[in-house]
C-alpha atoms as a PDB file:
ATOM      1  CA  UNK A   1     -33.025 147.487 -32.459  1.00  0.00           C
ATOM      2  CA  UNK A   2     -36.384 145.477 -30.328  1.00  0.00           C
ATOM      3  CA  UNK A   3     -35.760 145.704 -26.361  1.00  0.00           C
ATOM      4  CA  UNK A   4     -38.913 145.355 -25.318  1.00  0.00           C
ATOM      5  CA  UNK A   5     -38.994 141.857 -23.845  1.00  0.00           C
ATOM      6  CA  UNK A   6     -36.268 142.934 -22.353  1.00  0.00           C
ATOM      7  CA  UNK A   7     -36.732 145.653 -20.295  1.00  0.00           C
ATOM      8  CA  UNK A   8     -39.882 145.585 -18.269  1.00  0.00           C
ATOM      9  CA  UNK A   9     -40.487 149.867 -17.292  1.00  0.00           C
ATOM     10  CA  UNK A  10     -42.628 148.487 -15.151  1.00  0.00           C
ATOM     11  CA  UNK A  11     -43.378 149.586 -10.982  1.00  0.00           C
ATOM     12  CA  UNK A  12     -46.099 149.887  -8.386  1.00  0.00           C
ATOM     13  CA  UNK A  13     -48.950 149.624 -10.640  1.00  0.00           C
ATOM     14  CA  UNK A  14     -51.613 149.932  -8.170  1.00  0.00           C
ATOM     15  CA  UNK A  15     -50.466 152.930  -6.499  1.00  0.00           C
ATOM     16  CA  UNK A  16     -49.541 154.892 -10.494  1.00  0.00           C
ATOM     17  CA  UNK A  17     -53.257 153.778 -10.733  1.00  0.00           C
ATOM     18  CA  UNK A  18     -54.116 155.851  -7.720  1.00  0.00           C
ATOM     19  CA  UNK A  19     -52.569 158.498  -8.894  1.00  0.00           C
ATOM     20  CA  UNK A  20     -53.883 158.767 -12.848  1.00  0.00           C
ATOM     21  CA  UNK A  21     -57.380 158.487 -10.997  1.00  0.00           C
ATOM     22  CA  UNK A  22     -56.697 162.164  -9.386  1.00  0.00           C
ATOM     23  CA  UNK A  23     -55.150 163.244 -12.744  1.00  0.00           C
ATOM     24  CA  UNK A  24     -57.366 166.759 -13.552  1.00  0.00           C
ATOM     25  CA  UNK A  25     -56.964 168.593 -16.520  1.00  0.00           C
ATOM     26  CA  UNK A  26     -56.434 172.047 -15.698  1.00  0.00           C
ATOM     27  CA  UNK A  27     -59.526 174.715 -16.979  1.00  0.00           C
ATOM     28  CA  UNK A  28     -58.119 177.916 -15.752  1.00  0.00           C
ATOM     29  CA  UNK A  29     -54.606 177.129 -15.645  1.00  0.00           C
ATOM     30  CA  UNK A  30     -53.710 178.555 -12.866  1.00  0.00           C
ATOM     31  CA  UNK A  31     -50.857 177.226 -10.546  1.00  0.00           C
ATOM     32  CA  UNK A  32     -53.006 175.636  -7.463  1.00  0.00           C
ATOM     33  CA  UNK A  33     -54.265 173.106 -10.871  1.00  0.00           C
ATOM     34  CA  UNK A  34     -50.837 173.101 -12.550  1.00  0.00           C
ATOM     35  CA  UNK A  35     -49.336 171.367  -8.532  1.00  0.00           C
ATOM     36  CA  UNK A  36     -50.611 168.898  -8.798  1.00  0.00           C
ATOM     37  CA  UNK A  37     -51.154 167.512 -12.195  1.00  0.00           C
ATOM     38  CA  UNK A  38     -47.330 168.341 -11.905  1.00  0.00           C
ATOM     39  CA  UNK A  39     -46.654 166.164  -9.016  1.00  0.00           C
ATOM     40  CA  UNK A  40     -48.584 163.513 -10.367  1.00  0.00           C
ATOM     41  CA  UNK A  41     -46.725 163.161 -13.529  1.00  0.00           C
ATOM     42  CA  UNK A  42     -43.275 163.707 -11.820  1.00  0.00           C
ATOM     43  CA  UNK A  43     -44.769 160.198  -9.662  1.00  0.00           C
ATOM     44  CA  UNK A  44     -45.364 158.710 -12.466  1.00  0.00           C
ATOM     45  CA  UNK A  45     -42.968 158.533 -14.686  1.00  0.00           C
ATOM     46  CA  UNK A  46     -40.181 159.215 -12.759  1.00  0.00           C
ATOM     47  CA  UNK A  47     -40.488 158.223  -9.556  1.00  0.00           C
ATOM     48  CA  UNK A  48     -42.601 155.099  -9.647  1.00  0.00           C
ATOM     49  CA  UNK A  49     -39.959 153.446 -12.936  1.00  0.00           C
ATOM     50  CA  UNK A  50     -38.209 150.428 -12.037  1.00  0.00           C
ATOM     51  CA  UNK A  51     -35.021 151.034 -11.953  1.00  0.00           C
ATOM     52  CA  UNK A  52     -33.170 148.541 -10.701  1.00  0.00           C
ATOM     53  CA  UNK A  53     -34.929 146.385 -13.742  1.00  0.00           C
ATOM     54  CA  UNK A  54     -33.275 149.750 -15.674  1.00  0.00           C
ATOM     55  CA  UNK A  55     -29.885 149.147 -13.718  1.00  0.00           C
ATOM     56  CA  UNK A  56     -29.700 145.947 -14.530  1.00  0.00           C
ATOM     57  CA  UNK A  57     -30.332 146.844 -18.395  1.00  0.00           C
ATOM     58  CA  UNK A  58     -28.173 149.282 -18.646  1.00  0.00           C
ATOM     59  CA  UNK A  59     -25.532 146.848 -17.318  1.00  0.00           C
ATOM     60  CA  UNK A  60     -26.413 144.141 -19.914  1.00  0.00           C
ATOM     61  CA  UNK A  61     -26.581 146.828 -22.867  1.00  0.00           C
ATOM     62  CA  UNK A  62     -24.206 149.383 -21.886  1.00  0.00           C
ATOM     63  CA  UNK A  63     -20.293 149.078 -24.051  1.00  0.00           C
ATOM     64  CA  UNK A  64     -18.483 150.697 -22.373  1.00  0.00           C
ATOM     65  CA  UNK A  65     -20.352 150.702 -18.771  1.00  0.00           C
ATOM     66  CA  UNK A  66     -19.805 153.960 -16.777  1.00  0.00           C
ATOM     67  CA  UNK A  67     -18.854 153.591 -13.225  1.00  0.00           C
ATOM     68  CA  UNK A  68     -21.614 156.291 -11.512  1.00  0.00           C
ATOM     69  CA  UNK A  69     -24.174 155.050 -12.897  1.00  0.00           C
ATOM     70  CA  UNK A  70     -25.081 153.316  -9.660  1.00  0.00           C
ATOM     71  CA  UNK A  71     -25.762 156.811  -8.827  1.00  0.00           C
ATOM     72  CA  UNK A  72     -27.885 157.918 -11.982  1.00  0.00           C
ATOM     73  CA  UNK A  73     -31.816 158.335 -11.241  1.00  0.00           C
ATOM     74  CA  UNK A  74     -34.408 157.284 -14.105  1.00  0.00           C
ATOM     75  CA  UNK A  75     -34.217 159.441 -15.936  1.00  0.00           C
ATOM     76  CA  UNK A  76     -30.342 159.287 -16.812  1.00  0.00           C
ATOM     77  CA  UNK A  77     -31.807 156.213 -17.667  1.00  0.00           C
ATOM     78  CA  UNK A  78     -34.497 156.888 -20.443  1.00  0.00           C
ATOM     79  CA  UNK A  79     -31.838 159.130 -21.960  1.00  0.00           C
ATOM     80  CA  UNK A  80     -29.593 156.159 -22.042  1.00  0.00           C
ATOM     81  CA  UNK A  81     -32.203 154.338 -23.629  1.00  0.00           C
ATOM     82  CA  UNK A  82     -32.813 156.732 -26.365  1.00  0.00           C
ATOM     83  CA  UNK A  83     -29.014 157.345 -27.835  1.00  0.00           C
ATOM     84  CA  UNK A  84     -29.288 153.083 -27.143  1.00  0.00           C
ATOM     85  CA  UNK A  85     -32.857 153.373 -29.598  1.00  0.00           C
ATOM     86  CA  UNK A  86     -30.954 155.753 -31.864  1.00  0.00           C
ATOM     87  CA  UNK A  87     -27.984 154.044 -32.601  1.00  0.00           C
ATOM     88  CA  UNK A  88     -25.862 157.197 -31.001  1.00  0.00           C
ATOM     89  CA  UNK A  89     -22.857 157.150 -29.146  1.00  0.00           C
ATOM     90  CA  UNK A  90     -23.689 159.991 -26.856  1.00  0.00           C
ATOM     91  CA  UNK A  91     -26.005 162.767 -26.455  1.00  0.00           C
ATOM     92  CA  UNK A  92     -26.571 165.719 -29.768  1.00  0.00           C
ATOM     93  CA  UNK A  93     -29.520 167.920 -30.091  1.00  0.00           C
ATOM     94  CA  UNK A  94     -31.596 165.734 -31.027  1.00  0.00           C
ATOM     95  CA  UNK A  95     -31.272 163.671 -27.980  1.00  0.00           C
ATOM     96  CA  UNK A  96     -31.384 166.908 -25.472  1.00  0.00           C
ATOM     97  CA  UNK A  97     -34.934 167.722 -26.865  1.00  0.00           C
ATOM     98  CA  UNK A  98     -36.346 164.931 -26.555  1.00  0.00           C
ATOM     99  CA  UNK A  99     -35.088 164.313 -23.453  1.00  0.00           C
ATOM    100  CA  UNK A 100     -35.719 167.376 -21.781  1.00  0.00           C
ATOM    101  CA  UNK A 101     -39.092 167.686 -20.088  1.00  0.00           C
ATOM    102  CA  UNK A 102     -38.318 164.790 -17.978  1.00  0.00           C
ATOM    103  CA  UNK A 103     -35.675 167.518 -16.453  1.00  0.00           C
ATOM    104  CA  UNK A 104     -37.889 170.217 -16.759  1.00  0.00           C
ATOM    105  CA  UNK A 105     -40.688 167.986 -15.189  1.00  0.00           C
ATOM    106  CA  UNK A 106     -37.805 167.544 -12.722  1.00  0.00           C
ATOM    107  CA  UNK A 107     -37.646 171.013 -12.277  1.00  0.00           C
ATOM    108  CA  UNK A 108     -41.305 172.674 -12.303  1.00  0.00           C
ATOM    109  CA  UNK A 109     -41.613 170.001  -8.804  1.00  0.00           C
ATOM    110  CA  UNK A 110     -38.848 171.914  -7.993  1.00  0.00           C
ATOM    111  CA  UNK A 111     -40.247 174.796  -8.230  1.00  0.00           C
ATOM    112  CA  UNK A 112     -43.584 174.627  -7.085  1.00  0.00           C
ATOM    113  CA  UNK A 113     -43.366 171.847  -4.256  1.00  0.00           C
ATOM    114  CA  UNK A 114     -39.711 172.546  -2.467  1.00  0.00           C
ATOM    115  CA  UNK A 115     -38.165 175.596  -0.147  1.00  0.00           C
ATOM    116  CA  UNK A 116     -35.026 177.011  -2.506  1.00  0.00           C
ATOM    117  CA  UNK A 117     -32.763 179.756  -2.311  1.00  0.00           C
ATOM    118  CA  UNK A 118     -34.219 182.918  -4.733  1.00  0.00           C
ATOM    119  CA  UNK A 119     -31.483 183.018  -7.662  1.00  0.00           C
ATOM    120  CA  UNK A 120     -31.745 178.771  -7.998  1.00  0.00           C
ATOM    121  CA  UNK A 121     -36.249 179.360  -8.550  1.00  0.00           C
ATOM    122  CA  UNK A 122     -34.987 182.461 -11.365  1.00  0.00           C
ATOM    123  CA  UNK A 123     -32.452 180.049 -12.913  1.00  0.00           C
ATOM    124  CA  UNK A 124     -34.837 176.678 -12.825  1.00  0.00           C
ATOM    125  CA  UNK A 125     -37.513 178.948 -14.455  1.00  0.00           C
ATOM    126  CA  UNK A 126     -35.402 180.827 -17.318  1.00  0.00           C
ATOM    127  CA  UNK A 127     -34.887 177.355 -18.181  1.00  0.00           C
ATOM    128  CA  UNK A 128     -37.926 176.519 -17.751  1.00  0.00           C
ATOM    129  CA  UNK A 129     -39.384 179.571 -20.031  1.00  0.00           C
ATOM    130  CA  UNK A 130     -36.656 179.014 -22.455  1.00  0.00           C
ATOM    131  CA  UNK A 131     -36.340 175.665 -23.346  1.00  0.00           C
ATOM    132  CA  UNK A 132     -40.198 175.628 -24.338  1.00  0.00           C
ATOM    133  CA  UNK A 133     -40.374 179.493 -25.656  1.00  0.00           C
ATOM    134  CA  UNK A 134     -42.418 180.870 -23.091  1.00  0.00           C
ATOM    135  CA  UNK A 135     -43.277 184.312 -22.940  1.00  0.00           C
ATOM    136  CA  UNK A 136     -42.887 183.985 -19.383  1.00  0.00           C
ATOM    137  CA  UNK A 137     -42.526 181.730 -16.515  1.00  0.00           C
ATOM    138  CA  UNK A 138     -46.591 183.546 -16.386  1.00  0.00           C
ATOM    139  CA  UNK A 139     -48.257 181.484 -19.654  1.00  0.00           C
ATOM    140  CA  UNK A 140     -48.863 178.458 -17.309  1.00  0.00           C
ATOM    141  CA  UNK A 141     -50.975 177.829 -20.033  1.00  0.00           C
ATOM    142  CA  UNK A 142     -48.829 177.741 -22.423  1.00  0.00           C
ATOM    143  CA  UNK A 143     -46.144 175.819 -20.022  1.00  0.00           C
ATOM    144  CA  UNK A 144     -48.183 173.287 -18.878  1.00  0.00           C
ATOM    145  CA  UNK A 145     -49.623 172.559 -23.183  1.00  0.00           C
ATOM    146  CA  UNK A 146     -46.003 172.366 -24.823  1.00  0.00           C
ATOM    147  CA  UNK A 147     -44.737 169.971 -21.432  1.00  0.00           C
ATOM    148  CA  UNK A 148     -46.920 167.380 -21.966  1.00  0.00           C
ATOM    149  CA  UNK A 149     -46.113 167.534 -25.701  1.00  0.00           C
ATOM    150  CA  UNK A 150     -43.056 167.296 -25.279  1.00  0.00           C
ATOM    151  CA  UNK A 151     -43.850 164.867 -22.775  1.00  0.00           C
ATOM    152  CA  UNK A 152     -45.939 162.806 -25.082  1.00  0.00           C
ATOM    153  CA  UNK A 153     -43.082 163.402 -27.524  1.00  0.00           C
ATOM    154  CA  UNK A 154     -40.615 161.685 -25.641  1.00  0.00           C
ATOM    155  CA  UNK A 155     -42.717 158.477 -24.986  1.00  0.00           C
ATOM    156  CA  UNK A 156     -43.757 158.073 -28.399  1.00  0.00           C
ATOM    157  CA  UNK A 157     -40.360 158.220 -29.506  1.00  0.00           C
ATOM    158  CA  UNK A 158     -39.714 155.512 -27.561  1.00  0.00           C
ATOM    159  CA  UNK A 159     -43.031 153.411 -27.618  1.00  0.00           C
ATOM    160  CA  UNK A 160     -42.253 153.699 -31.787  1.00  0.00           C
ATOM    161  CA  UNK A 161     -38.449 152.507 -31.733  1.00  0.00           C
ATOM    162  CA  UNK A 162     -38.729 150.283 -29.414  1.00  0.00           C
END
């Protein structure tokens, strides 16, 4: 199914270009180097998405329409696109694996930029470690590489299928 002509995800182009110009590949993969990249990726891939276009596309495409869709964020709409493009009616392991890096990116943003209870921190870290199959949360180079690779896989899938 081709949806490119029907759906434009671009939004805030000038702002995204400014964020892109500030991205630097980590050298030592310390958390100080990774934090700004996580922030930039979150801004580009999650925050700058044209949510109104996604909502409109969802309403015109989904059958049935979830009454709570107005409360969804961009990641949930990405998940809808994955279901639509894969021809699936419900989230299965393949869709979970494809969408996971966006949730992990959000988890990392929360860990790096918010004050949250220790229990919540540990829960988010454990989710990241298990999902990316890391030795530990301190394996930052491995975490960075696997996250970026999985994000690439997700968007490659979206581009190829649309």
